[in-house]
Amino acid sequence: MTMTAGDLYRLASDLADEHGPRACDYSSRAVMTMEADGNHERARFCFVMLVLLGDVISHRVDPSSRITIH
């Protein structure tokens, strides 16, 4: 299954709504754990989610609008 940029931002928005700024902490810890375990692909996904969570929590993006990543 392929996720669009909009799908990823909506997921980040849902996580931010449910967990607030702690969602960034969870994602950051997941990145470190997965890297340490050698699971680099999943770590990359969690890192992307961490970046998107930062955008959502700081209100730099509106996840309900159409999102394009260049």
N, C-alpha and C. Protein backbone atom coordinates (compact mmCIF):
# COMPACT_ATOMS: atom_id res chain seq x y z
N MET A 1 0.84 -1.18 0.00
CA MET A 1 0.00 0.00 0.00
C MET A 1 0.89 1.24 0.00
N THR A 2 0.54 2.19 -0.82
CA THR A 2 1.27 3.44 -0.91
C THR A 2 0.48 4.53 -0.19
N MET A 3 1.19 5.30 0.60
CA MET A 3 0.56 6.42 1.30
C MET A 3 0.97 7.71 0.61
N THR A 4 0.01 8.61 0.47
CA THR A 4 0.29 9.91 -0.12
C THR A 4 0.81 10.85 0.97
N ALA A 5 1.32 12.00 0.56
CA ALA A 5 1.75 13.01 1.53
C ALA A 5 0.57 13.42 2.41
N GLY A 6 -0.60 13.54 1.82
CA GLY A 6 -1.79 13.89 2.59
C GLY A 6 -2.14 12.83 3.62
N ASP A 7 -2.00 11.55 3.23
CA ASP A 7 -2.24 10.46 4.18
C ASP A 7 -1.29 10.54 5.36
N LEU A 8 -0.02 10.80 5.08
CA LEU A 8 0.98 10.89 6.14
C LEU A 8 0.70 12.07 7.07
N TYR A 9 0.33 13.20 6.51
CA TYR A 9 0.00 14.35 7.35
C TYR A 9 -1.25 14.11 8.18
N ARG A 10 -2.24 13.41 7.62
CA ARG A 10 -3.44 13.09 8.40
C ARG A 10 -3.10 12.16 9.55
N LEU A 11 -2.23 11.19 9.30
CA LEU A 11 -1.80 10.29 10.36
C LEU A 11 -1.06 11.08 11.44
N ALA A 12 -0.16 11.96 11.03
CA ALA A 12 0.55 12.80 11.99
C ALA A 12 -0.43 13.66 12.78
N SER A 13 -1.43 14.19 12.10
CA SER A 13 -2.43 15.02 12.77
C SER A 13 -3.21 14.21 13.81
N ASP A 14 -3.59 13.00 13.45
CA ASP A 14 -4.31 12.13 14.39
C ASP A 14 -3.44 11.82 15.61
N LEU A 15 -2.17 11.51 15.38
CA LEU A 15 -1.26 11.23 16.50
C LEU A 15 -1.07 12.46 17.37
N ALA A 16 -0.95 13.63 16.75
CA ALA A 16 -0.78 14.87 17.51
C ALA A 16 -2.03 15.19 18.31
N ASP A 17 -3.20 14.96 17.70
CA ASP A 17 -4.46 15.21 18.42
C ASP A 17 -4.58 14.30 19.64
N GLU A 18 -4.18 13.06 19.48
CA GLU A 18 -4.33 12.09 20.56
C GLU A 18 -3.26 12.22 21.64
N HIS A 19 -2.02 12.52 21.24
CA HIS A 19 -0.91 12.49 22.18
C HIS A 19 -0.25 13.85 22.42
N GLY A 20 -0.59 14.85 21.64
CA GLY A 20 0.04 16.16 21.79
C GLY A 20 1.52 16.09 21.48
N PRO A 21 2.30 16.98 22.09
CA PRO A 21 3.74 17.01 21.82
C PRO A 21 4.46 15.70 22.18
N ARG A 22 3.86 14.88 23.03
CA ARG A 22 4.48 13.59 23.35
C ARG A 22 4.60 12.70 22.12
N ALA A 23 3.77 12.93 21.12
CA ALA A 23 3.86 12.13 19.89
C ALA A 23 5.25 12.25 19.27
N CYS A 24 5.85 13.44 19.36
CA CYS A 24 7.22 13.63 18.85
C CYS A 24 8.21 12.80 19.66
N ASP A 25 8.02 12.77 20.97
CA ASP A 25 8.90 11.96 21.82
C ASP A 25 8.79 10.49 21.45
N TYR A 26 7.57 10.00 21.24
CA TYR A 26 7.36 8.60 20.88
C TYR A 26 8.04 8.28 19.56
N SER A 27 7.85 9.17 18.59
CA SER A 27 8.44 8.95 17.27
C SER A 27 9.96 8.99 17.33
N SER A 28 10.50 9.92 18.09
CA SER A 28 11.95 10.03 18.23
C SER A 28 12.54 8.77 18.87
N ARG A 29 11.88 8.28 19.91
CA ARG A 29 12.36 7.05 20.55
C ARG A 29 12.26 5.87 19.60
N ALA A 30 11.21 5.84 18.79
CA ALA A 30 11.05 4.75 17.82
C ALA A 30 12.19 4.77 16.80
N VAL A 31 12.57 5.97 16.35
CA VAL A 31 13.68 6.09 15.40
C VAL A 31 14.96 5.51 16.00
N MET A 32 15.27 5.92 17.22
CA MET A 32 16.51 5.45 17.86
C MET A 32 16.49 3.93 18.08
N THR A 33 15.36 3.42 18.53
CA THR A 33 15.24 1.98 18.79
C THR A 33 15.38 1.18 17.50
N MET A 34 14.69 1.60 16.47
CA MET A 34 14.72 0.86 15.20
C MET A 34 16.08 0.94 14.54
N GLU A 35 16.75 2.08 14.63
CA GLU A 35 18.11 2.20 14.10
C GLU A 35 19.04 1.25 14.85
N ALA A 36 18.92 1.24 16.17
CA ALA A 36 19.78 0.37 16.99
C ALA A 36 19.54 -1.10 16.67
N ASP A 37 18.29 -1.44 16.32
CA ASP A 37 17.95 -2.82 15.97
C ASP A 37 18.28 -3.16 14.53
N GLY A 38 18.76 -2.17 13.76
CA GLY A 38 19.11 -2.41 12.36
C GLY A 38 17.94 -2.35 11.41
N ASN A 39 16.80 -1.88 11.88
CA ASN A 39 15.61 -1.79 11.04
C ASN A 39 15.54 -0.39 10.45
N HIS A 40 16.40 -0.13 9.47
CA HIS A 40 16.60 1.21 8.95
C HIS A 40 15.40 1.74 8.17
N GLU A 41 14.69 0.88 7.44
CA GLU A 41 13.54 1.34 6.67
C GLU A 41 12.43 1.85 7.59
N ARG A 42 12.13 1.10 8.63
CA ARG A 42 11.11 1.54 9.59
C ARG A 42 11.58 2.77 10.35
N ALA A 43 12.86 2.85 10.63
CA ALA A 43 13.40 4.04 11.31
C ALA A 43 13.22 5.27 10.44
N ARG A 44 13.44 5.12 9.13
CA ARG A 44 13.24 6.25 8.20
C ARG A 44 11.79 6.70 8.21
N PHE A 45 10.86 5.75 8.22
CA PHE A 45 9.44 6.10 8.26
C PHE A 45 9.13 6.88 9.53
N CYS A 46 9.64 6.42 10.67
CA CYS A 46 9.39 7.10 11.94
C CYS A 46 10.04 8.48 11.95
N PHE A 47 11.19 8.63 11.29
CA PHE A 47 11.82 9.94 11.20
C PHE A 47 10.97 10.90 10.37
N VAL A 48 10.45 10.42 9.25
CA VAL A 48 9.56 11.24 8.44
C VAL A 48 8.34 11.64 9.27
N MET A 49 7.78 10.70 10.01
CA MET A 49 6.63 11.00 10.86
C MET A 49 7.00 12.04 11.91
N LEU A 50 8.20 11.98 12.45
CA LEU A 50 8.67 12.96 13.42
C LEU A 50 8.69 14.36 12.81
N VAL A 51 9.19 14.47 11.60
CA VAL A 51 9.23 15.77 10.90
C VAL A 51 7.80 16.28 10.66
N LEU A 52 6.92 15.40 10.20
CA LEU A 52 5.54 15.81 9.93
C LEU A 52 4.82 16.19 11.22
N LEU A 53 5.06 15.45 12.29
CA LEU A 53 4.47 15.79 13.59
C LEU A 53 4.91 17.19 14.01
N GLY A 54 6.17 17.51 13.81
CA GLY A 54 6.66 18.85 14.13
C GLY A 54 5.92 19.92 13.35
N ASP A 55 5.67 19.66 12.06
CA ASP A 55 4.91 20.61 11.23
C ASP A 55 3.50 20.79 11.76
N VAL A 56 2.85 19.69 12.11
CA VAL A 56 1.46 19.74 12.58
C VAL A 56 1.37 20.43 13.94
N ILE A 57 2.23 20.03 14.87
CA ILE A 57 2.17 20.57 16.23
C ILE A 57 2.49 22.07 16.25
N SER A 58 3.39 22.50 15.37
CA SER A 58 3.75 23.92 15.32
C SER A 58 2.83 24.73 14.40
N HIS A 59 1.82 24.07 13.83
CA HIS A 59 0.82 24.71 12.96
C HIS A 59 1.43 25.29 11.68
N ARG A 60 2.50 24.67 11.19
CA ARG A 60 3.10 25.10 9.92
C ARG A 60 2.31 24.58 8.73
N VAL A 61 1.50 23.53 8.95
CA VAL A 61 0.67 22.98 7.88
C VAL A 61 -0.73 22.73 8.43
N ASP A 62 -1.67 22.69 7.52
CA ASP A 62 -3.04 22.31 7.86
C ASP A 62 -3.29 20.96 7.22
N PRO A 63 -3.29 19.87 8.01
CA PRO A 63 -3.43 18.53 7.44
C PRO A 63 -4.75 18.30 6.70
N SER A 64 -5.75 19.15 6.94
CA SER A 64 -7.02 18.96 6.25
C SER A 64 -7.01 19.56 4.84
N SER A 65 -5.98 20.36 4.52
CA SER A 65 -5.87 20.91 3.17
C SER A 65 -5.03 19.98 2.29
N ARG A 66 -5.05 20.26 1.01
CA ARG A 66 -4.25 19.44 0.08
C ARG A 66 -2.77 19.75 0.29
N ILE A 67 -2.00 18.69 0.53
CA ILE A 67 -0.58 18.83 0.84
C ILE A 67 0.24 18.32 -0.35
N THR A 68 1.23 19.11 -0.76
CA THR A 68 2.16 18.69 -1.81
C THR A 68 3.58 18.83 -1.25
N ILE A 69 4.37 17.77 -1.39
CA ILE A 69 5.77 17.83 -0.98
C ILE A 69 6.63 17.86 -2.23
N HIS A 70 7.51 18.85 -2.32
CA HIS A 70 8.38 19.00 -3.49
C HIS A 70 9.73 18.40 -3.21
